[in-house]
Amino acid sequence: ETEITVPIYTEAKNRLEREGNNKP
């Protein structure tokens, strides 16, 4: 299933959210 790597994707997304560049 495609979503098996969602935790990896979410970790990368949240890292970018923490950096806070180019909001939104």
PDB file of all heavy atoms in Angstrom:
ATOM      1  N   GLU A   1       0.834  -1.203   0.000  1.00  0.00           N
ATOM      2  CA  GLU A   1       0.000   0.000   0.000  1.00  0.00           C
ATOM      3  C   GLU A   1       0.869   1.255   0.000  1.00  0.00           C
ATOM      4  O   GLU A   1       1.876   1.342   0.705  1.00  0.00           O
ATOM      5  CB  GLU A   1      -0.946  -0.013   1.197  1.00  0.00           C
ATOM      6  CG  GLU A   1      -2.038  -1.071   1.061  1.00  0.00           C
ATOM      7  CD  GLU A   1      -3.082  -0.974   2.148  1.00  0.00           C
ATOM      8  OE1 GLU A   1      -3.803   0.050   2.193  1.00  0.00           O
ATOM      9  OE2 GLU A   1      -3.179  -1.920   2.942  1.00  0.00           O
ATOM     10  N   THR A   2       0.449   2.192  -0.801  1.00  0.00           N
ATOM     11  CA  THR A   2       1.206   3.433  -1.003  1.00  0.00           C
ATOM     12  C   THR A   2       1.522   4.143   0.308  1.00  0.00           C
ATOM     13  O   THR A   2       2.619   4.666   0.502  1.00  0.00           O
ATOM     14  CB  THR A   2       0.387   4.384  -1.901  1.00  0.00           C
ATOM     15  OG1 THR A   2       0.028   3.709  -3.094  1.00  0.00           O
ATOM     16  CG2 THR A   2       1.174   5.632  -2.233  1.00  0.00           C
ATOM     17  N   GLU A   3       0.565   4.142   1.218  1.00  0.00           N
ATOM     18  CA  GLU A   3       0.685   4.944   2.436  1.00  0.00           C
ATOM     19  C   GLU A   3       1.576   4.305   3.501  1.00  0.00           C
ATOM     20  O   GLU A   3       1.687   4.832   4.605  1.00  0.00           O
ATOM     21  CB  GLU A   3      -0.709   5.209   3.017  1.00  0.00           C
ATOM     22  CG  GLU A   3      -1.580   6.102   2.151  1.00  0.00           C
ATOM     23  CD  GLU A   3      -2.329   5.352   1.056  1.00  0.00           C
ATOM     24  OE1 GLU A   3      -2.183   4.111   0.965  1.00  0.00           O
ATOM     25  OE2 GLU A   3      -3.048   5.998   0.281  1.00  0.00           O
ATOM     26  N   ILE A   4       2.235   3.200   3.189  1.00  0.00           N
ATOM     27  CA  ILE A   4       3.090   2.536   4.176  1.00  0.00           C
ATOM     28  C   ILE A   4       4.241   3.435   4.625  1.00  0.00           C
ATOM     29  O   ILE A   4       4.773   3.310   5.732  1.00  0.00           O
ATOM     30  CB  ILE A   4       3.632   1.191   3.608  1.00  0.00           C
ATOM     31  CG1 ILE A   4       4.085   0.272   4.740  1.00  0.00           C
ATOM     32  CG2 ILE A   4       4.735   1.394   2.612  1.00  0.00           C
ATOM     33  CD1 ILE A   4       2.985  -0.252   5.596  1.00  0.00           C
ATOM     34  N   THR A   5       4.624   4.384   3.756  1.00  0.00           N
ATOM     35  CA  THR A   5       5.734   5.283   4.098  1.00  0.00           C
ATOM     36  C   THR A   5       5.252   6.656   4.577  1.00  0.00           C
ATOM     37  O   THR A   5       6.043   7.591   4.670  1.00  0.00           O
ATOM     38  CB  THR A   5       6.680   5.474   2.888  1.00  0.00           C
ATOM     39  OG1 THR A   5       5.910   5.964   1.774  1.00  0.00           O
ATOM     40  CG2 THR A   5       7.353   4.167   2.510  1.00  0.00           C
ATOM     41  N   VAL A   6       3.966   6.789   4.871  1.00  0.00           N
ATOM     42  CA  VAL A   6       3.436   8.070   5.356  1.00  0.00           C
ATOM     43  C   VAL A   6       4.186   8.578   6.587  1.00  0.00           C
ATOM     44  O   VAL A   6       4.451   9.786   6.704  1.00  0.00           O
ATOM     45  CB  VAL A   6       1.917   7.964   5.615  1.00  0.00           C
ATOM     46  CG1 VAL A   6       1.432   9.058   6.563  1.00  0.00           C
ATOM     47  CG2 VAL A   6       1.163   8.065   4.299  1.00  0.00           C
ATOM     48  N   PRO A   7       4.557   7.719   7.570  1.00  0.00           N
ATOM     49  CA  PRO A   7       5.325   8.245   8.712  1.00  0.00           C
ATOM     50  C   PRO A   7       6.635   8.920   8.296  1.00  0.00           C
ATOM     51  O   PRO A   7       7.039   9.928   8.899  1.00  0.00           O
ATOM     52  CB  PRO A   7       5.596   6.985   9.551  1.00  0.00           C
ATOM     53  CG  PRO A   7       4.458   6.066   9.228  1.00  0.00           C
ATOM     54  CD  PRO A   7       4.186   6.299   7.774  1.00  0.00           C
ATOM     55  N   ILE A   8       7.286   8.398   7.257  1.00  0.00           N
ATOM     56  CA  ILE A   8       8.523   9.015   6.754  1.00  0.00           C
ATOM     57  C   ILE A   8       8.196  10.364   6.118  1.00  0.00           C
ATOM     58  O   ILE A   8       8.870  11.375   6.372  1.00  0.00           O
ATOM     59  CB  ILE A   8       9.206   8.096   5.721  1.00  0.00           C
ATOM     60  CG1 ILE A   8       9.401   6.676   6.271  1.00  0.00           C
ATOM     61  CG2 ILE A   8      10.519   8.696   5.247  1.00  0.00           C
ATOM     62  CD1 ILE A   8      10.369   6.555   7.386  1.00  0.00           C
ATOM     63  N   TYR A   9       7.158  10.378   5.281  1.00  0.00           N
ATOM     64  CA  TYR A   9       6.715  11.608   4.622  1.00  0.00           C
ATOM     65  C   TYR A   9       6.342  12.663   5.664  1.00  0.00           C
ATOM     66  O   TYR A   9       6.728  13.839   5.557  1.00  0.00           O
ATOM     67  CB  TYR A   9       5.514  11.281   3.729  1.00  0.00           C
ATOM     68  CG  TYR A   9       4.793  12.475   3.145  1.00  0.00           C
ATOM     69  CD1 TYR A   9       5.271  13.121   2.005  1.00  0.00           C
ATOM     70  CD2 TYR A   9       3.609  12.945   3.715  1.00  0.00           C
ATOM     71  CE1 TYR A   9       4.598  14.196   1.461  1.00  0.00           C
ATOM     72  CE2 TYR A   9       2.937  14.018   3.179  1.00  0.00           C
ATOM     73  CZ  TYR A   9       3.427  14.645   2.048  1.00  0.00           C
ATOM     74  OH  TYR A   9       2.751  15.722   1.516  1.00  0.00           O
ATOM     75  N   THR A  10       5.604  12.246   6.699  1.00  0.00           N
ATOM     76  CA  THR A  10       5.158  13.168   7.738  1.00  0.00           C
ATOM     77  C   THR A  10       6.346  13.747   8.509  1.00  0.00           C
ATOM     78  O   THR A  10       6.364  14.941   8.847  1.00  0.00           O
ATOM     79  CB  THR A  10       4.196  12.453   8.700  1.00  0.00           C
ATOM     80  OG1 THR A  10       3.075  11.959   7.955  1.00  0.00           O
ATOM     81  CG2 THR A  10       3.704  13.398   9.782  1.00  0.00           C
ATOM     82  N   GLU A  11       7.341  12.918   8.778  1.00  0.00           N
ATOM     83  CA  GLU A  11       8.528  13.401   9.481  1.00  0.00           C
ATOM     84  C   GLU A  11       9.235  14.488   8.669  1.00  0.00           C
ATOM     85  O   GLU A  11       9.650  15.524   9.212  1.00  0.00           O
ATOM     86  CB  GLU A  11       9.486  12.232   9.749  1.00  0.00           C
ATOM     87  CG  GLU A  11      10.703  12.630  10.568  1.00  0.00           C
ATOM     88  CD  GLU A  11      11.605  11.452  10.919  1.00  0.00           C
ATOM     89  OE1 GLU A  11      11.138  10.293  10.843  1.00  0.00           O
ATOM     90  OE2 GLU A  11      12.773  11.689  11.286  1.00  0.00           O
ATOM     91  N   ALA A  12       9.364  14.256   7.362  1.00  0.00           N
ATOM     92  CA  ALA A  12      10.010  15.259   6.502  1.00  0.00           C
ATOM     93  C   ALA A  12       9.172  16.532   6.431  1.00  0.00           C
ATOM     94  O   ALA A  12       9.711  17.651   6.470  1.00  0.00           O
ATOM     95  CB  ALA A  12      10.220  14.679   5.107  1.00  0.00           C
ATOM     96  N   LYS A  13       7.846  16.379   6.340  1.00  0.00           N
ATOM     97  CA  LYS A  13       6.948  17.539   6.289  1.00  0.00           C
ATOM     98  C   LYS A  13       7.033  18.352   7.580  1.00  0.00           C
ATOM     99  O   LYS A  13       7.145  19.586   7.541  1.00  0.00           O
ATOM    100  CB  LYS A  13       5.514  17.057   6.057  1.00  0.00           C
ATOM    101  CG  LYS A  13       4.461  18.152   6.132  1.00  0.00           C
ATOM    102  CD  LYS A  13       3.081  17.611   5.865  1.00  0.00           C
ATOM    103  CE  LYS A  13       2.579  16.735   6.990  1.00  0.00           C
ATOM    104  NZ  LYS A  13       2.334  17.524   8.230  1.00  0.00           N
ATOM    105  N   ASN A  14       6.991  17.668   8.699  1.00  0.00           N
ATOM    106  CA  ASN A  14       7.035  18.371   9.983  1.00  0.00           C
ATOM    107  C   ASN A  14       8.370  19.071  10.213  1.00  0.00           C
ATOM    108  O   ASN A  14       8.432  20.123  10.860  1.00  0.00           O
ATOM    109  CB  ASN A  14       6.740  17.400  11.125  1.00  0.00           C
ATOM    110  CG  ASN A  14       5.281  16.960  11.141  1.00  0.00           C
ATOM    111  OD1 ASN A  14       4.438  17.575  10.475  1.00  0.00           O
ATOM    112  ND2 ASN A  14       4.978  15.908  11.873  1.00  0.00           N
ATOM    113  N   ARG A  15       9.430  18.496   9.664  1.00  0.00           N
ATOM    114  CA  ARG A  15      10.738  19.152   9.769  1.00  0.00           C
ATOM    115  C   ARG A  15      10.708  20.492   9.039  1.00  0.00           C
ATOM    116  O   ARG A  15      11.220  21.504   9.529  1.00  0.00           O
ATOM    117  CB  ARG A  15      11.818  18.240   9.190  1.00  0.00           C
ATOM    118  CG  ARG A  15      13.242  18.809   9.293  1.00  0.00           C
ATOM    119  CD  ARG A  15      14.222  17.881   8.595  1.00  0.00           C
ATOM    120  NE  ARG A  15      13.921  17.780   7.180  1.00  0.00           N
ATOM    121  CZ  ARG A  15      14.185  16.712   6.433  1.00  0.00           C
ATOM    122  NH1 ARG A  15      14.727  15.642   6.971  1.00  0.00           N
ATOM    123  NH2 ARG A  15      13.879  16.697   5.157  1.00  0.00           N
ATOM    124  N   LEU A  16      10.095  20.498   7.851  1.00  0.00           N
ATOM    125  CA  LEU A  16       9.984  21.739   7.086  1.00  0.00           C
ATOM    126  C   LEU A  16       9.082  22.740   7.801  1.00  0.00           C
ATOM    127  O   LEU A  16       9.328  23.947   7.761  1.00  0.00           O
ATOM    128  CB  LEU A  16       9.432  21.441   5.688  1.00  0.00           C
ATOM    129  CG  LEU A  16      10.368  20.689   4.747  1.00  0.00           C
ATOM    130  CD1 LEU A  16       9.633  20.278   3.480  1.00  0.00           C
ATOM    131  CD2 LEU A  16      11.577  21.551   4.374  1.00  0.00           C
ATOM    132  N   GLU A  17       8.032  22.240   8.451  1.00  0.00           N
ATOM    133  CA  GLU A  17       7.146  23.134   9.206  1.00  0.00           C
ATOM    134  C   GLU A  17       7.900  23.805  10.357  1.00  0.00           C
ATOM    135  O   GLU A  17       7.690  24.980  10.647  1.00  0.00           O
ATOM    136  CB  GLU A  17       5.945  22.353   9.737  1.00  0.00           C
ATOM    137  CG  GLU A  17       4.963  21.943   8.647  1.00  0.00           C
ATOM    138  CD  GLU A  17       3.808  21.114   9.177  1.00  0.00           C
ATOM    139  OE1 GLU A  17       3.814  20.798  10.383  1.00  0.00           O
ATOM    140  OE2 GLU A  17       2.911  20.781   8.394  1.00  0.00           O
ATOM    141  N   ARG A  18       8.774  23.043  11.011  1.00  0.00           N
ATOM    142  CA  ARG A  18       9.557  23.603  12.117  1.00  0.00           C
ATOM    143  C   ARG A  18      10.504  24.690  11.622  1.00  0.00           C
ATOM    144  O   ARG A  18      10.730  25.685  12.303  1.00  0.00           O
ATOM    145  CB  ARG A  18      10.351  22.493  12.817  1.00  0.00           C
ATOM    146  CG  ARG A  18       9.574  21.752  13.892  1.00  0.00           C
ATOM    147  CD  ARG A  18      10.477  20.880  14.734  1.00  0.00           C
ATOM    148  NE  ARG A  18      11.087  19.812  13.958  1.00  0.00           N
ATOM    149  CZ  ARG A  18      10.540  18.618  13.785  1.00  0.00           C
ATOM    150  NH1 ARG A  18       9.360  18.332  14.326  1.00  0.00           N
ATOM    151  NH2 ARG A  18      11.146  17.692  13.071  1.00  0.00           N
ATOM    152  N   GLU A  19      11.086  24.472  10.432  1.00  0.00           N
ATOM    153  CA  GLU A  19      12.019  25.460   9.887  1.00  0.00           C
ATOM    154  C   GLU A  19      11.306  26.770   9.576  1.00  0.00           C
ATOM    155  O   GLU A  19      11.895  27.853   9.676  1.00  0.00           O
ATOM    156  CB  GLU A  19      12.688  24.895   8.633  1.00  0.00           C
ATOM    157  CG  GLU A  19      13.646  23.734   8.926  1.00  0.00           C
ATOM    158  CD  GLU A  19      14.153  23.061   7.664  1.00  0.00           C
ATOM    159  OE1 GLU A  19      13.757  23.511   6.555  1.00  0.00           O
ATOM    160  OE2 GLU A  19      14.933  22.093   7.764  1.00  0.00           O
ATOM    161  N   GLY A  20      10.041  26.660   9.157  1.00  0.00           N
ATOM    162  CA  GLY A  20       9.200  27.846   9.009  1.00  0.00           C
ATOM    163  C   GLY A  20       9.552  28.768   7.868  1.00  0.00           C
ATOM    164  O   GLY A  20       9.213  29.957   7.908  1.00  0.00           O
ATOM    165  N   ASN A  21      10.223  28.281   6.834  1.00  0.00           N
ATOM    166  CA  ASN A  21      10.557  29.122   5.687  1.00  0.00           C
ATOM    167  C   ASN A  21       9.390  29.151   4.698  1.00  0.00           C
ATOM    168  O   ASN A  21       8.650  28.180   4.549  1.00  0.00           O
ATOM    169  CB  ASN A  21      11.807  28.589   4.981  1.00  0.00           C
ATOM    170  CG  ASN A  21      13.013  28.578   5.905  1.00  0.00           C
ATOM    171  OD1 ASN A  21      13.157  29.465   6.747  1.00  0.00           O
ATOM    172  ND2 ASN A  21      13.860  27.571   5.771  1.00  0.00           N
ATOM    173  N   ASN A  22       9.245  30.259   3.986  1.00  0.00           N
ATOM    174  CA  ASN A  22       8.252  30.396   2.915  1.00  0.00           C
ATOM    175  C   ASN A  22       6.845  29.993   3.361  1.00  0.00           C
ATOM    176  O   ASN A  22       6.216  29.107   2.781  1.00  0.00           O
ATOM    177  CB  ASN A  22       8.669  29.553   1.694  1.00  0.00           C
ATOM    178  CG  ASN A  22       9.984  29.984   1.105  1.00  0.00           C
ATOM    179  OD1 ASN A  22      10.297  31.173   1.065  1.00  0.00           O
ATOM    180  ND2 ASN A  22      10.766  29.025   0.654  1.00  0.00           N
ATOM    181  N   LYS A  23       6.350  30.639   4.389  1.00  0.00           N
ATOM    182  CA  LYS A  23       4.988  30.355   4.834  1.00  0.00           C
ATOM    183  C   LYS A  23       3.975  30.991   3.892  1.00  0.00           C
ATOM    184  O   LYS A  23       4.215  32.077   3.367  1.00  0.00           O
ATOM    185  CB  LYS A  23       4.786  30.883   6.255  1.00  0.00           C
ATOM    186  CG  LYS A  23       5.531  30.104   7.313  1.00  0.00           C
ATOM    187  CD  LYS A  23       5.189  30.621   8.692  1.00  0.00           C
ATOM    188  CE  LYS A  23       5.936  29.832   9.774  1.00  0.00           C
ATOM    189  NZ  LYS A  23       5.600  30.312  11.127  1.00  0.00           N
ATOM    190  N   PRO A  24       2.822  30.342   3.649  1.00  0.00           N
ATOM    191  CA  PRO A  24       2.481  29.008   4.159  1.00  0.00           C
ATOM    192  C   PRO A  24       3.171  27.906   3.355  1.00  0.00           C
ATOM    193  O   PRO A  24       3.306  28.014   2.137  1.00  0.00           O
ATOM    194  CB  PRO A  24       0.966  28.948   3.969  1.00  0.00           C
ATOM    195  CG  PRO A  24       0.714  29.805   2.764  1.00  0.00           C
ATOM    196  CD  PRO A  24       1.718  30.921   2.856  1.00  0.00           C
TER     197      PRO A  24
END
